[in-house]
Amino acid sequence: MDALADLAPHYPLILGLFALVVIAGFLRRLPVIGRLVSLAMWVALIGALVFVLGERERFDPYLGRVAEVLDLSGQQVEGAETRIRMSPDGHFWANVSFGRVKRRMLVDSGATVTALSLDTANAAGLDVRDAMFPMLLRTANGTIRAQTATIGELSLGNIVARDVPVVVSPAFGETDVLGMNFLSRLKSWRVEGRTLVLVPNNPQPVTSG
């Protein structure tokens, strides 16, 4: 049921493609027009697949791996830099590994600290604790209470950061965020057009898998 609810915004696209298939079924009976219609259908279906993967892979680990294989993730290492293309939603999403998990994380220079959902923190095996003093964070949805944890080692492209403090709360939903306490560790970072460029102090070899 959750998957169907998540697809609700795409219902017009799905219905449109269904109507296209029905109409094309009739037109394909015409010799010349049929070939053109078949070509148009393939282009439309491939375009729809790319769009849906681009939207869904941020939240679904399996689709994230599919998008990475198809080079839809928009993240690559060039020389000493890790470059991330802007997603269709206007944000930068990074492929990040830590603990026992791989996640797509929103890179947000407006966030002071890196933030994880409770599910991600638990999946990574982090030691989540209450802070000595109540940790209250201001978000777009109001003030929330959060716990704290530390990521022993976080990998992103050719970047490795160690002992990264994070805040954890179920109020974050399914979104994980890389904040300024990560970005400030880099040698530099910048935005070039629609590409985020991250430059580490000590670039690390990139391993597959």
C-alpha atoms as a PDB file:
ATOM      1  CA  MET A   1       0.000   0.000   0.000  1.00  0.00           C
ATOM      2  CA  ASP A   2       2.868   2.390   0.788  1.00  0.00           C
ATOM      3  CA  ALA A   3       4.371   1.763  -2.647  1.00  0.00           C
ATOM      4  CA  LEU A   4       1.049   2.593  -4.323  1.00  0.00           C
ATOM      5  CA  ALA A   5       0.767   5.772  -2.270  1.00  0.00           C
ATOM      6  CA  ASP A   6       4.292   6.800  -3.271  1.00  0.00           C
ATOM      7  CA  LEU A   7       3.398   6.339  -6.940  1.00  0.00           C
ATOM      8  CA  ALA A   8       0.253   8.482  -6.664  1.00  0.00           C
ATOM      9  CA  PRO A   9       1.942  11.637  -8.049  1.00  0.00           C
ATOM     10  CA  HIS A  10       2.889   9.624 -11.145  1.00  0.00           C
ATOM     11  CA  TYR A  11      -0.631   8.306 -11.885  1.00  0.00           C
ATOM     12  CA  PRO A  12      -1.216  10.845 -14.717  1.00  0.00           C
ATOM     13  CA  LEU A  13       2.016   9.693 -16.371  1.00  0.00           C
ATOM     14  CA  ILE A  14       1.090   6.013 -15.965  1.00  0.00           C
ATOM     15  CA  LEU A  15      -2.431   6.553 -17.327  1.00  0.00           C
ATOM     16  CA  GLY A  16      -1.038   8.571 -20.226  1.00  0.00           C
ATOM     17  CA  LEU A  17       1.357   5.770 -21.148  1.00  0.00           C
ATOM     18  CA  PHE A  18      -1.472   3.237 -20.921  1.00  0.00           C
ATOM     19  CA  ALA A  19      -3.607   5.341 -23.258  1.00  0.00           C
ATOM     20  CA  LEU A  20      -0.643   5.662 -25.621  1.00  0.00           C
ATOM     21  CA  VAL A  21      -0.256   1.878 -25.726  1.00  0.00           C
ATOM     22  CA  VAL A  22      -3.970   1.389 -26.498  1.00  0.00           C
ATOM     23  CA  ILE A  23      -3.979   3.989 -29.279  1.00  0.00           C
ATOM     24  CA  ALA A  24      -0.729   2.640 -30.675  1.00  0.00           C
ATOM     25  CA  GLY A  25      -2.279  -0.822 -30.859  1.00  0.00           C
ATOM     26  CA  PHE A  26      -4.728   0.451 -33.448  1.00  0.00           C
ATOM     27  CA  LEU A  27      -2.268   2.620 -35.375  1.00  0.00           C
ATOM     28  CA  ARG A  28       0.330  -0.142 -35.677  1.00  0.00           C
ATOM     29  CA  ARG A  29      -1.956  -1.926 -38.114  1.00  0.00           C
ATOM     30  CA  LEU A  30      -1.071   0.762 -40.667  1.00  0.00           C
ATOM     31  CA  PRO A  31       2.267  -0.184 -42.357  1.00  0.00           C
ATOM     32  CA  VAL A  32       4.227   3.093 -42.347  1.00  0.00           C
ATOM     33  CA  ILE A  33       2.520   4.761 -39.392  1.00  0.00           C
ATOM     34  CA  GLY A  34       2.920   1.553 -37.402  1.00  0.00           C
ATOM     35  CA  ARG A  35       6.724   1.710 -37.549  1.00  0.00           C
ATOM     36  CA  LEU A  36       6.767   5.360 -36.499  1.00  0.00           C
ATOM     37  CA  VAL A  37       4.366   4.660 -33.639  1.00  0.00           C
ATOM     38  CA  SER A  38       6.494   1.743 -32.421  1.00  0.00           C
ATOM     39  CA  LEU A  39       9.590   3.949 -32.373  1.00  0.00           C
ATOM     40  CA  ALA A  40       7.736   6.716 -30.518  1.00  0.00           C
ATOM     41  CA  MET A  41       6.466   4.206 -27.948  1.00  0.00           C
ATOM     42  CA  TRP A  42       9.964   2.939 -27.183  1.00  0.00           C
ATOM     43  CA  VAL A  43      11.275   6.487 -26.771  1.00  0.00           C
ATOM     44  CA  ALA A  44       8.380   7.370 -24.443  1.00  0.00           C
ATOM     45  CA  LEU A  45       8.785   4.216 -22.343  1.00  0.00           C
ATOM     46  CA  ILE A  46      12.551   4.677 -21.964  1.00  0.00           C
ATOM     47  CA  GLY A  47      12.036   8.327 -21.016  1.00  0.00           C
ATOM     48  CA  ALA A  48       9.422   7.352 -18.424  1.00  0.00           C
ATOM     49  CA  LEU A  49      11.743   4.691 -16.975  1.00  0.00           C
ATOM     50  CA  VAL A  50      14.590   7.190 -16.604  1.00  0.00           C
ATOM     51  CA  PHE A  51      12.251   9.701 -14.931  1.00  0.00           C
ATOM     52  CA  VAL A  52      10.751   7.222 -12.456  1.00  0.00           C
ATOM     53  CA  LEU A  53      14.158   5.788 -11.535  1.00  0.00           C
ATOM     54  CA  GLY A  54      15.511   9.280 -11.014  1.00  0.00           C
ATOM     55  CA  GLU A  55      12.664  10.092  -8.630  1.00  0.00           C
ATOM     56  CA  ARG A  56      12.451   6.787  -6.744  1.00  0.00           C
ATOM     57  CA  GLU A  57      16.086   5.748  -6.393  1.00  0.00           C
ATOM     58  CA  ARG A  58      16.685   8.256  -3.591  1.00  0.00           C
ATOM     59  CA  PHE A  59      14.418   6.245  -1.281  1.00  0.00           C
ATOM     60  CA  ASP A  60      14.628   2.683  -2.606  1.00  0.00           C
ATOM     61  CA  PRO A  61      18.075   1.025  -2.194  1.00  0.00           C
ATOM     62  CA  TYR A  62      17.335  -1.529  -4.961  1.00  0.00           C
ATOM     63  CA  LEU A  63      16.346   1.136  -7.472  1.00  0.00           C
ATOM     64  CA  GLY A  64      19.365   3.116  -6.347  1.00  0.00           C
ATOM     65  CA  ARG A  65      21.620   0.244  -7.432  1.00  0.00           C
ATOM     66  CA  VAL A  66      19.753  -0.046 -10.749  1.00  0.00           C
ATOM     67  CA  ALA A  67      20.184   3.679 -11.353  1.00  0.00           C
ATOM     68  CA  GLU A  68      23.885   3.419 -10.536  1.00  0.00           C
ATOM     69  CA  VAL A  69      24.354   0.607 -13.086  1.00  0.00           C
ATOM     70  CA  LEU A  70      22.512   2.674 -15.710  1.00  0.00           C
ATOM     71  CA  ASP A  71      24.634   5.738 -14.796  1.00  0.00           C
ATOM     72  CA  LEU A  72      21.577   7.655 -13.590  1.00  0.00           C
ATOM     73  CA  SER A  73      22.943   8.409 -10.129  1.00  0.00           C
ATOM     74  CA  GLY A  74      24.826  11.489 -11.352  1.00  0.00           C
ATOM     75  CA  GLN A  75      27.879  10.894  -9.138  1.00  0.00           C
ATOM     76  CA  GLN A  76      31.396  10.243 -10.398  1.00  0.00           C
ATOM     77  CA  VAL A  77      35.028  10.746  -9.468  1.00  0.00           C
ATOM     78  CA  GLU A  78      37.143  12.856 -11.818  1.00  0.00           C
ATOM     79  CA  GLY A  79      40.770  13.259 -10.812  1.00  0.00           C
ATOM     80  CA  ALA A  80      40.852  14.479  -7.209  1.00  0.00           C
ATOM     81  CA  GLU A  81      37.197  15.545  -7.256  1.00  0.00           C
ATOM     82  CA  THR A  82      33.867  13.865  -6.622  1.00  0.00           C
ATOM     83  CA  ARG A  83      31.214  15.451  -8.847  1.00  0.00           C
ATOM     84  CA  ILE A  84      27.464  15.147  -8.293  1.00  0.00           C
ATOM     85  CA  ARG A  85      24.903  16.236 -10.880  1.00  0.00           C
ATOM     86  CA  MET A  86      21.789  18.053  -9.722  1.00  0.00           C
ATOM     87  CA  SER A  87      18.732  15.791  -9.555  1.00  0.00           C
ATOM     88  CA  PRO A  88      15.451  16.668 -11.304  1.00  0.00           C
ATOM     89  CA  ASP A  89      14.111  17.891  -7.944  1.00  0.00           C
ATOM     90  CA  GLY A  90      16.786  20.615  -7.850  1.00  0.00           C
ATOM     91  CA  HIS A  91      18.844  19.005  -5.060  1.00  0.00           C
ATOM     92  CA  PHE A  92      22.160  17.167  -4.872  1.00  0.00           C
ATOM     93  CA  TRP A  93      21.946  13.540  -3.704  1.00  0.00           C
ATOM     94  CA  ALA A  94      25.133  11.636  -2.843  1.00  0.00           C
ATOM     95  CA  ASN A  95      25.825   7.894  -2.773  1.00  0.00           C
ATOM     96  CA  VAL A  96      27.210   7.333   0.720  1.00  0.00           C
ATOM     97  CA  SER A  97      28.443   4.219   2.550  1.00  0.00           C
ATOM     98  CA  PHE A  98      28.894   3.800   6.301  1.00  0.00           C
ATOM     99  CA  GLY A  99      28.474   1.047   8.832  1.00  0.00           C
ATOM    100  CA  ARG A 100      26.583  -1.737   7.099  1.00  0.00           C
ATOM    101  CA  VAL A 101      24.551   0.420   4.734  1.00  0.00           C
ATOM    102  CA  LYS A 102      24.630   2.386   1.503  1.00  0.00           C
ATOM    103  CA  ARG A 103      22.320   5.370   1.288  1.00  0.00           C
ATOM    104  CA  ARG A 104      21.368   8.261  -0.977  1.00  0.00           C
ATOM    105  CA  MET A 105      21.825  11.362   1.164  1.00  0.00           C
ATOM    106  CA  LEU A 106      20.729  14.923   0.530  1.00  0.00           C
ATOM    107  CA  VAL A 107      23.693  17.322   0.549  1.00  0.00           C
ATOM    108  CA  ASP A 108      22.443  20.400   2.399  1.00  0.00           C
ATOM    109  CA  SER A 109      24.789  23.301   3.163  1.00  0.00           C
ATOM    110  CA  GLY A 110      21.965  24.855   5.169  1.00  0.00           C
ATOM    111  CA  ALA A 111      22.066  22.011   7.699  1.00  0.00           C
ATOM    112  CA  THR A 112      24.575  22.524  10.503  1.00  0.00           C
ATOM    113  CA  VAL A 113      24.924  18.838  11.307  1.00  0.00           C
ATOM    114  CA  THR A 114      24.507  15.554   9.442  1.00  0.00           C
ATOM    115  CA  ALA A 115      21.123  13.985  10.179  1.00  0.00           C
ATOM    116  CA  LEU A 116      19.929  10.384   9.858  1.00  0.00           C
ATOM    117  CA  SER A 117      16.561   8.719  10.024  1.00  0.00           C
ATOM    118  CA  LEU A 118      16.143   6.254  12.870  1.00  0.00           C
ATOM    119  CA  ASP A 119      15.842   3.373  10.380  1.00  0.00           C
ATOM    120  CA  THR A 120      19.159   4.263   8.740  1.00  0.00           C
ATOM    121  CA  ALA A 121      20.946   4.631  12.081  1.00  0.00           C
ATOM    122  CA  ASN A 122      19.666   1.240  13.243  1.00  0.00           C
ATOM    123  CA  ALA A 123      20.526  -0.445   9.936  1.00  0.00           C
ATOM    124  CA  ALA A 124      24.069   0.953  10.165  1.00  0.00           C
ATOM    125  CA  GLY A 125      24.452  -0.408  13.692  1.00  0.00           C
ATOM    126  CA  LEU A 126      25.144   3.017  15.203  1.00  0.00           C
ATOM    127  CA  ASP A 127      25.114   3.533  18.954  1.00  0.00           C
ATOM    128  CA  VAL A 128      22.250   6.020  19.252  1.00  0.00           C
ATOM    129  CA  ARG A 129      22.057   7.809  22.595  1.00  0.00           C
ATOM    130  CA  ASP A 130      20.357  10.702  24.308  1.00  0.00           C
ATOM    131  CA  ALA A 131      22.588  13.754  24.576  1.00  0.00           C
ATOM    132  CA  MET A 132      23.695  14.986  28.000  1.00  0.00           C
ATOM    133  CA  PHE A 133      21.348  17.916  27.479  1.00  0.00           C
ATOM    134  CA  PRO A 134      18.103  17.731  25.460  1.00  0.00           C
ATOM    135  CA  MET A 135      18.886  18.022  21.731  1.00  0.00           C
ATOM    136  CA  LEU A 136      16.234  20.236  20.148  1.00  0.00           C
ATOM    137  CA  LEU A 137      16.382  21.034  16.438  1.00  0.00           C
ATOM    138  CA  ARG A 138      14.425  23.556  14.436  1.00  0.00           C
ATOM    139  CA  THR A 139      13.057  22.147  11.193  1.00  0.00           C
ATOM    140  CA  ALA A 140      10.557  23.226   8.563  1.00  0.00           C
ATOM    141  CA  ASN A 141       7.955  21.230  10.507  1.00  0.00           C
ATOM    142  CA  GLY A 142       8.778  22.820  13.853  1.00  0.00           C
ATOM    143  CA  THR A 143      11.066  21.942  16.745  1.00  0.00           C
ATOM    144  CA  ILE A 144      11.907  18.256  17.207  1.00  0.00           C
ATOM    145  CA  ARG A 145      13.846  16.237  19.775  1.00  0.00           C
ATOM    146  CA  ALA A 146      16.814  14.251  18.476  1.00  0.00           C
ATOM    147  CA  GLN A 147      19.380  11.765  19.723  1.00  0.00           C
ATOM    148  CA  THR A 148      23.053  11.628  18.816  1.00  0.00           C
ATOM    149  CA  ALA A 149      25.465   9.091  17.350  1.00  0.00           C
ATOM    150  CA  THR A 150      28.835   8.947  15.608  1.00  0.00           C
ATOM    151  CA  ILE A 151      29.648   7.426  12.218  1.00  0.00           C
ATOM    152  CA  GLY A 152      33.038   5.744  12.530  1.00  0.00           C
ATOM    153  CA  GLU A 153      33.837   5.937   8.816  1.00  0.00           C
ATOM    154  CA  LEU A 154      31.808   7.486   6.003  1.00  0.00           C
ATOM    155  CA  SER A 155      32.695   7.053   2.315  1.00  0.00           C
ATOM    156  CA  LEU A 156      31.498   9.186  -0.595  1.00  0.00           C
ATOM    157  CA  GLY A 157      33.275   8.846  -3.937  1.00  0.00           C
ATOM    158  CA  ASN A 158      36.977   9.425  -3.201  1.00  0.00           C
ATOM    159  CA  ILE A 159      36.176  10.952   0.204  1.00  0.00           C
ATOM    160  CA  VAL A 160      36.528   9.198   3.556  1.00  0.00           C
ATOM    161  CA  ALA A 161      35.470  11.008   6.741  1.00  0.00           C
ATOM    162  CA  ARG A 162      35.956   9.503  10.184  1.00  0.00           C
ATOM    163  CA  ASP A 163      34.167  10.046  13.483  1.00  0.00           C
ATOM    164  CA  VAL A 164      31.348  12.115  12.003  1.00  0.00           C
ATOM    165  CA  PRO A 165      28.815  13.285  14.638  1.00  0.00           C
ATOM    166  CA  VAL A 166      25.185  12.904  13.569  1.00  0.00           C
ATOM    167  CA  VAL A 167      21.742  13.569  14.966  1.00  0.00           C
ATOM    168  CA  VAL A 168      19.038  10.918  14.728  1.00  0.00           C
ATOM    169  CA  SER A 169      15.270  11.249  14.883  1.00  0.00           C
ATOM    170  CA  PRO A 170      12.216   9.412  13.512  1.00  0.00           C
ATOM    171  CA  ALA A 171      10.901  12.890  12.656  1.00  0.00           C
ATOM    172  CA  PHE A 172      13.333  12.967   9.706  1.00  0.00           C
ATOM    173  CA  GLY A 173      11.223  10.325   7.973  1.00  0.00           C
ATOM    174  CA  GLU A 174      13.172   8.510   5.243  1.00  0.00           C
ATOM    175  CA  THR A 175      15.498  11.408   4.435  1.00  0.00           C
ATOM    176  CA  ASP A 176      19.180  11.356   5.426  1.00  0.00           C
ATOM    177  CA  VAL A 177      21.141  14.613   5.200  1.00  0.00           C
ATOM    178  CA  LEU A 178      24.832  15.466   4.852  1.00  0.00           C
ATOM    179  CA  GLY A 179      25.341  18.757   6.661  1.00  0.00           C
ATOM    180  CA  MET A 180      28.075  21.339   7.113  1.00  0.00           C
ATOM    181  CA  ASN A 181      29.921  19.282   9.730  1.00  0.00           C
ATOM    182  CA  PHE A 182      30.789  16.982   6.797  1.00  0.00           C
ATOM    183  CA  LEU A 183      31.326  19.634   4.108  1.00  0.00           C
ATOM    184  CA  SER A 184      33.607  21.693   6.378  1.00  0.00           C
ATOM    185  CA  ARG A 185      36.078  18.788   6.519  1.00  0.00           C
ATOM    186  CA  LEU A 186      36.751  18.998   2.794  1.00  0.00           C
ATOM    187  CA  LYS A 187      39.583  20.934   1.199  1.00  0.00           C
ATOM    188  CA  SER A 188      36.887  22.770  -0.752  1.00  0.00           C
ATOM    189  CA  TRP A 189      33.445  22.414  -2.246  1.00  0.00           C
ATOM    190  CA  ARG A 190      31.592  24.449  -4.839  1.00  0.00           C
ATOM    191  CA  VAL A 191      28.709  24.423  -7.265  1.00  0.00           C
ATOM    192  CA  GLU A 192      29.471  24.711 -10.980  1.00  0.00           C
ATOM    193  CA  GLY A 193      26.225  25.227 -12.848  1.00  0.00           C
ATOM    194  CA  ARG A 194      24.211  22.094 -12.072  1.00  0.00           C
ATOM    195  CA  THR A 195      27.129  20.139 -10.592  1.00  0.00           C
ATOM    196  CA  LEU A 196      28.332  19.948  -6.992  1.00  0.00           C
ATOM    197  CA  VAL A 197      32.114  19.534  -6.793  1.00  0.00           C
ATOM    198  CA  LEU A 198      33.621  18.044  -3.618  1.00  0.00           C
ATOM    199  CA  VAL A 199      37.407  18.166  -3.151  1.00  0.00           C
ATOM    200  CA  PRO A 200      38.846  16.144  -0.235  1.00  0.00           C
ATOM    201  CA  ASN A 201      42.093  16.925   1.558  1.00  0.00           C
ATOM    202  CA  ASN A 202      43.338  13.396   0.944  1.00  0.00           C
ATOM    203  CA  PRO A 203      41.601  11.710  -2.017  1.00  0.00           C
ATOM    204  CA  GLN A 204      41.146   7.981  -1.467  1.00  0.00           C
ATOM    205  CA  PRO A 205      41.174   5.160  -4.041  1.00  0.00           C
ATOM    206  CA  VAL A 206      37.676   4.309  -5.229  1.00  0.00           C
ATOM    207  CA  THR A 207      36.727   0.648  -4.979  1.00  0.00           C
ATOM    208  CA  SER A 208      33.766  -0.954  -6.723  1.00  0.00           C
ATOM    209  CA  GLY A 209      31.045  -2.893  -4.958  1.00  0.00           C
END
